[in-house]
Protein backbone atom coordinates (compact mmCIF):
# COMPACT_ATOMS: atom_id res chain seq x y z
CA MET A 1 86.68 110.81 79.38
CA ILE A 2 89.06 113.34 77.85
CA ASP A 3 91.26 112.15 75.00
CA LEU A 4 94.11 114.64 74.61
CA ARG A 5 95.40 114.99 71.05
CA PRO A 6 98.60 117.05 71.13
CA PHE A 7 99.24 119.24 68.10
CA ASP A 8 102.41 117.35 67.17
CA THR A 9 100.40 114.08 66.86
CA LEU A 10 97.96 115.49 64.30
CA GLY A 11 98.05 114.42 60.67
CA GLY A 12 98.65 116.84 57.84
CA ALA A 13 100.94 117.98 55.08
CA ASP A 14 102.94 121.04 54.07
CA HIS A 15 102.09 121.91 50.46
CA GLY A 16 104.19 125.07 50.45
CA TRP A 17 101.27 127.44 49.91
CA LEU A 18 99.24 125.54 52.52
CA ASN A 19 100.41 123.99 55.78
CA ALA A 20 97.48 121.88 56.99
CA ARG A 21 97.12 119.94 60.21
CA HIS A 22 94.19 117.54 60.58
CA HIS A 23 92.53 116.61 63.88
CA PHE A 24 90.57 113.92 61.99
CA SER A 25 91.19 111.74 58.93
CA PHE A 26 91.23 113.98 55.89
CA SER A 27 92.69 113.81 52.37
CA GLY A 28 95.98 111.88 52.51
CA TYR A 29 95.86 111.47 56.30
CA GLN A 30 93.84 108.43 57.35
CA ASP A 31 93.63 107.15 60.92
CA PRO A 32 90.73 104.77 61.77
CA ALA A 33 90.84 105.98 65.39
CA ARG A 34 90.31 109.58 64.30
CA MET A 35 87.49 109.46 61.75
CA ASN A 36 85.01 111.68 63.59
CA TRP A 37 83.74 112.68 67.03
CA GLY A 38 79.99 112.32 66.98
CA ALA A 39 78.71 114.43 64.09
CA LEU A 40 81.99 116.39 64.00
CA ARG A 41 83.78 115.10 60.90
CA VAL A 42 86.65 117.53 60.17
CA TRP A 43 88.75 120.04 62.12
CA ASN A 44 91.58 121.41 60.01
CA ASP A 45 94.16 123.90 61.27
CA ASP A 46 95.25 125.69 58.07
CA VAL A 47 98.01 128.22 57.45
CA ILE A 48 97.58 129.75 53.98
CA GLN A 49 100.31 131.79 52.35
CA PRO A 50 99.56 135.24 50.81
CA LYS A 51 98.00 135.36 47.33
CA THR A 52 97.16 131.65 47.33
CA GLY A 53 94.13 129.54 48.11
CA PHE A 54 91.69 126.84 47.14
CA PRO A 55 90.36 127.01 43.54
CA PRO A 56 86.68 126.19 42.83
CA HIS A 57 85.65 122.77 44.11
CA PRO A 58 82.34 121.09 45.08
CA HIS A 59 80.75 120.17 48.41
CA GLN A 60 77.52 118.40 49.29
CA ASP A 61 75.66 117.52 52.52
CA MET A 62 78.08 119.14 54.96
CA GLU A 63 78.00 122.13 57.32
CA ILE A 64 81.35 123.92 56.89
CA ILE A 65 82.31 126.51 59.50
CA THR A 66 85.42 128.67 59.08
CA TYR A 67 86.90 130.44 62.10
CA VAL A 68 89.56 132.97 61.09
CA LEU A 69 92.39 133.51 63.59
CA GLU A 70 94.78 135.69 61.58
CA GLY A 71 94.53 137.48 58.25
CA ALA A 72 91.40 136.99 56.13
CA ILE A 73 89.85 134.57 53.68
CA SER A 74 87.89 135.64 50.58
CA HIS A 75 84.97 133.46 49.47
CA GLN A 76 83.05 133.12 46.23
CA ASP A 77 80.57 130.44 45.24
CA SER A 78 78.22 129.15 42.57
CA LEU A 79 75.28 130.98 44.18
CA GLY A 80 76.96 134.31 43.46
CA ASN A 81 77.97 134.97 47.06
CA GLN A 82 81.21 136.86 47.65
CA GLY A 83 82.71 137.92 50.94
CA ARG A 84 85.85 138.55 52.94
CA THR A 85 85.99 136.99 56.42
CA ALA A 86 88.66 138.58 58.62
CA ALA A 87 90.22 137.58 61.93
CA GLY A 88 87.56 137.42 64.61
CA ASP A 89 84.84 136.67 62.06
CA VAL A 90 83.13 133.38 61.25
CA GLN A 91 81.59 132.09 58.04
CA VAL A 92 79.24 129.16 57.47
CA MET A 93 78.52 127.32 54.24
CA SER A 94 75.66 124.82 54.24
CA ALA A 95 76.49 122.69 51.21
CA GLY A 96 73.05 121.09 51.05
CA SER A 97 72.24 119.52 47.68
CA GLY A 98 75.49 120.86 46.23
CA ILE A 99 77.60 123.99 45.85
CA ARG A 100 80.93 124.98 44.32
CA HIS A 101 83.12 127.51 46.05
CA ALA A 102 86.63 128.96 46.11
CA GLU A 103 88.56 130.43 49.03
CA TYR A 104 91.65 132.60 48.63
CA ASN A 105 94.01 134.49 50.88
CA LEU A 106 94.20 137.74 48.94
CA GLU A 107 96.05 139.49 51.76
CA ALA A 108 99.71 140.47 51.98
CA GLU A 109 100.04 138.35 55.14
CA VAL A 110 99.57 134.74 56.14
CA THR A 111 96.02 133.66 56.95
CA ARG A 112 95.44 131.12 59.72
CA LEU A 113 92.08 129.51 60.28
CA PHE A 114 90.17 126.55 61.63
CA GLN A 115 87.83 124.84 59.20
CA ILE A 116 85.25 122.65 60.91
CA TRP A 117 82.86 120.24 59.18
CA ILE A 118 79.73 118.92 60.89
CA VAL A 119 77.47 116.28 59.35
CA PRO A 120 73.94 117.71 58.90
CA THR A 121 70.89 116.05 60.41
CA GLN A 122 69.27 115.75 56.95
CA SER A 123 70.70 115.50 53.46
CA GLY A 124 69.79 117.81 50.60
CA GLY A 125 68.19 121.22 50.83
CA ALA A 126 69.15 124.51 49.24
CA PRO A 127 72.80 125.48 49.80
CA SER A 128 73.59 128.74 51.57
CA TRP A 129 76.46 130.91 52.83
CA GLY A 130 76.76 133.59 55.49
CA ALA A 131 79.33 135.39 57.64
CA ARG A 132 79.41 137.78 60.60
CA PRO A 133 81.85 139.27 63.13
CA PHE A 134 82.04 138.03 66.72
CA PRO A 135 84.04 140.57 68.76
CA LYS A 136 86.32 138.85 71.24
CA GLY A 137 85.25 141.23 73.99
CA ASP A 138 81.74 139.77 73.79
CA ARG A 139 83.18 136.31 74.55
CA ALA A 140 85.22 137.34 77.60
CA GLY A 141 84.78 134.78 80.35
CA ARG A 142 81.96 132.90 78.62
CA PHE A 143 81.16 130.70 75.66
CA VAL A 144 79.24 132.43 72.86
CA PRO A 145 77.53 130.36 70.13
CA LEU A 146 79.15 131.22 66.80
CA ALA A 147 77.30 128.71 64.62
CA SER A 148 74.42 126.62 65.87
CA GLY A 149 71.42 124.48 65.05
CA VAL A 150 70.26 124.55 68.69
CA PRO A 151 67.00 126.42 69.45
CA GLY A 152 67.65 129.60 71.40
CA ASP A 153 70.98 130.40 69.72
CA GLU A 154 69.41 133.05 67.48
CA GLU A 155 72.53 135.27 67.43
CA ALA A 156 74.67 132.48 65.96
CA LEU A 157 75.08 131.70 62.28
CA PRO A 158 72.60 128.89 61.53
CA ILE A 159 73.69 125.35 60.71
CA ARG A 160 71.58 122.30 59.83
CA ALA A 161 72.87 120.12 62.64
CA THR A 162 72.05 119.48 66.29
CA GLY A 163 75.34 121.01 67.32
CA ARG A 164 76.99 124.29 68.09
CA VAL A 165 80.38 125.90 67.57
CA LEU A 166 81.31 128.07 70.54
CA GLY A 167 84.01 130.65 71.21
CA ALA A 168 85.38 132.06 74.46
CA THR A 169 88.30 134.10 75.75
CA LEU A 170 89.74 133.68 79.24
CA ARG A 171 92.30 135.63 81.22
CA ALA A 172 95.00 133.65 83.00
CA GLY A 173 93.49 132.17 86.15
CA GLU A 174 89.86 132.57 85.06
CA THR A 175 87.55 129.56 85.18
CA LEU A 176 84.57 128.76 82.97
CA ASP A 177 82.03 125.96 83.52
CA TYR A 178 80.11 124.31 80.69
CA ASP A 179 77.44 121.61 81.12
CA LEU A 180 77.57 118.81 78.56
CA ALA A 181 74.18 117.08 78.19
CA PRO A 182 73.93 113.28 78.30
CA GLY A 183 74.80 111.68 74.98
CA ARG A 184 76.65 114.78 73.75
CA ARG A 185 80.29 115.06 72.83
CA ALA A 186 82.60 118.06 72.84
CA TYR A 187 85.83 118.83 71.04
CA LEU A 188 87.88 121.76 72.34
CA VAL A 189 90.92 123.46 70.80
CA PRO A 190 92.73 126.46 72.31
CA ALA A 191 93.49 128.74 69.39
CA ARG A 192 95.86 130.58 71.71
CA GLY A 193 97.07 129.88 75.22
CA SER A 194 96.57 126.79 77.33
CA VAL A 195 93.86 125.59 79.70
CA ALA A 196 93.10 122.79 82.14
CA VAL A 197 89.87 120.92 81.35
CA ASN A 198 88.74 118.91 84.39
CA GLY A 199 92.40 118.72 85.35
CA VAL A 200 93.75 117.78 81.90
CA THR A 201 96.16 120.33 80.40
CA VAL A 202 95.34 121.29 76.80
CA GLY A 203 97.96 123.41 75.05
CA THR A 204 97.79 125.78 72.10
CA ARG A 205 96.31 124.03 69.03
CA ASP A 206 95.97 120.71 70.89
CA GLY A 207 92.62 118.94 70.64
CA ALA A 208 90.59 117.54 73.53
CA ALA A 209 87.92 114.98 72.61
CA ILE A 210 85.44 114.90 75.49
CA ALA A 211 82.62 112.48 76.36
CA ASP A 212 80.78 111.37 79.51
CA GLU A 213 81.83 114.51 81.41
CA PRO A 214 78.60 116.17 82.65
CA ARG A 215 80.36 119.42 83.57
CA LEU A 216 83.51 120.87 82.06
CA ARG A 217 85.55 123.12 84.34
CA ILE A 218 87.96 125.04 82.13
CA THR A 219 90.70 127.07 83.82
CA ALA A 220 93.05 129.28 81.83
CA LEU A 221 96.71 128.59 82.59
CA GLU A 222 97.52 131.68 80.52
CA ASP A 223 95.43 134.09 78.46
CA ALA A 224 93.48 131.83 76.11
CA GLU A 225 91.18 131.92 73.08
CA LEU A 226 89.01 128.80 72.83
CA VAL A 227 86.90 127.17 70.14
CA MET A 228 84.68 124.21 71.03
CA VAL A 229 82.14 122.04 69.22
CA ASP A 230 79.26 120.48 71.20
CA THR A 231 77.46 117.90 69.09
CA ALA A 232 75.37 114.74 69.12
């Protein structure tokens, strides 16, 4: 089963400084049919104007993964962490028992990013934050774990969930296979380009909610950059 969610059907709002599109119910957008996909709770497609951002606010018991597509986002939190995550980089904040953070686009250009929330397997625990680069060349023709709670994904940023966030790049015409274990769900979004997933065309910034498909055959219809969550 592949439920295609075209970009123009997503919820969201244009706040001027922030143009947000929501793959799942979030803030003022509520759709009972789009509350979550397994443990995946939020996938926001955010465009943040220069010199703006999110002032300090709290989070608790959520794994928050930020995938930067263009520009950069600057982070600071109540643990004293500070960092700048640029295009091609990924950051993870494990909110645990509670953390306050702020995120700003301090650049002279627009920042575009995906923010992904995954429900942790256990509540509480010490909060944490981390970031690292993932060169696109390393993901050519294959999925690379970017953030993961799956044993064996030691190169990925750790999350406290039985899931993984994966990235891949494909040239037009290239095909990539991915095995989805029984009981698992996947959610795939092309950040750029378009692909066919088991024959279903998924365009730029569309979402594909996938279940009961043991093997995914992903063929690039044009050069594509992919982000996918595989979760319980």
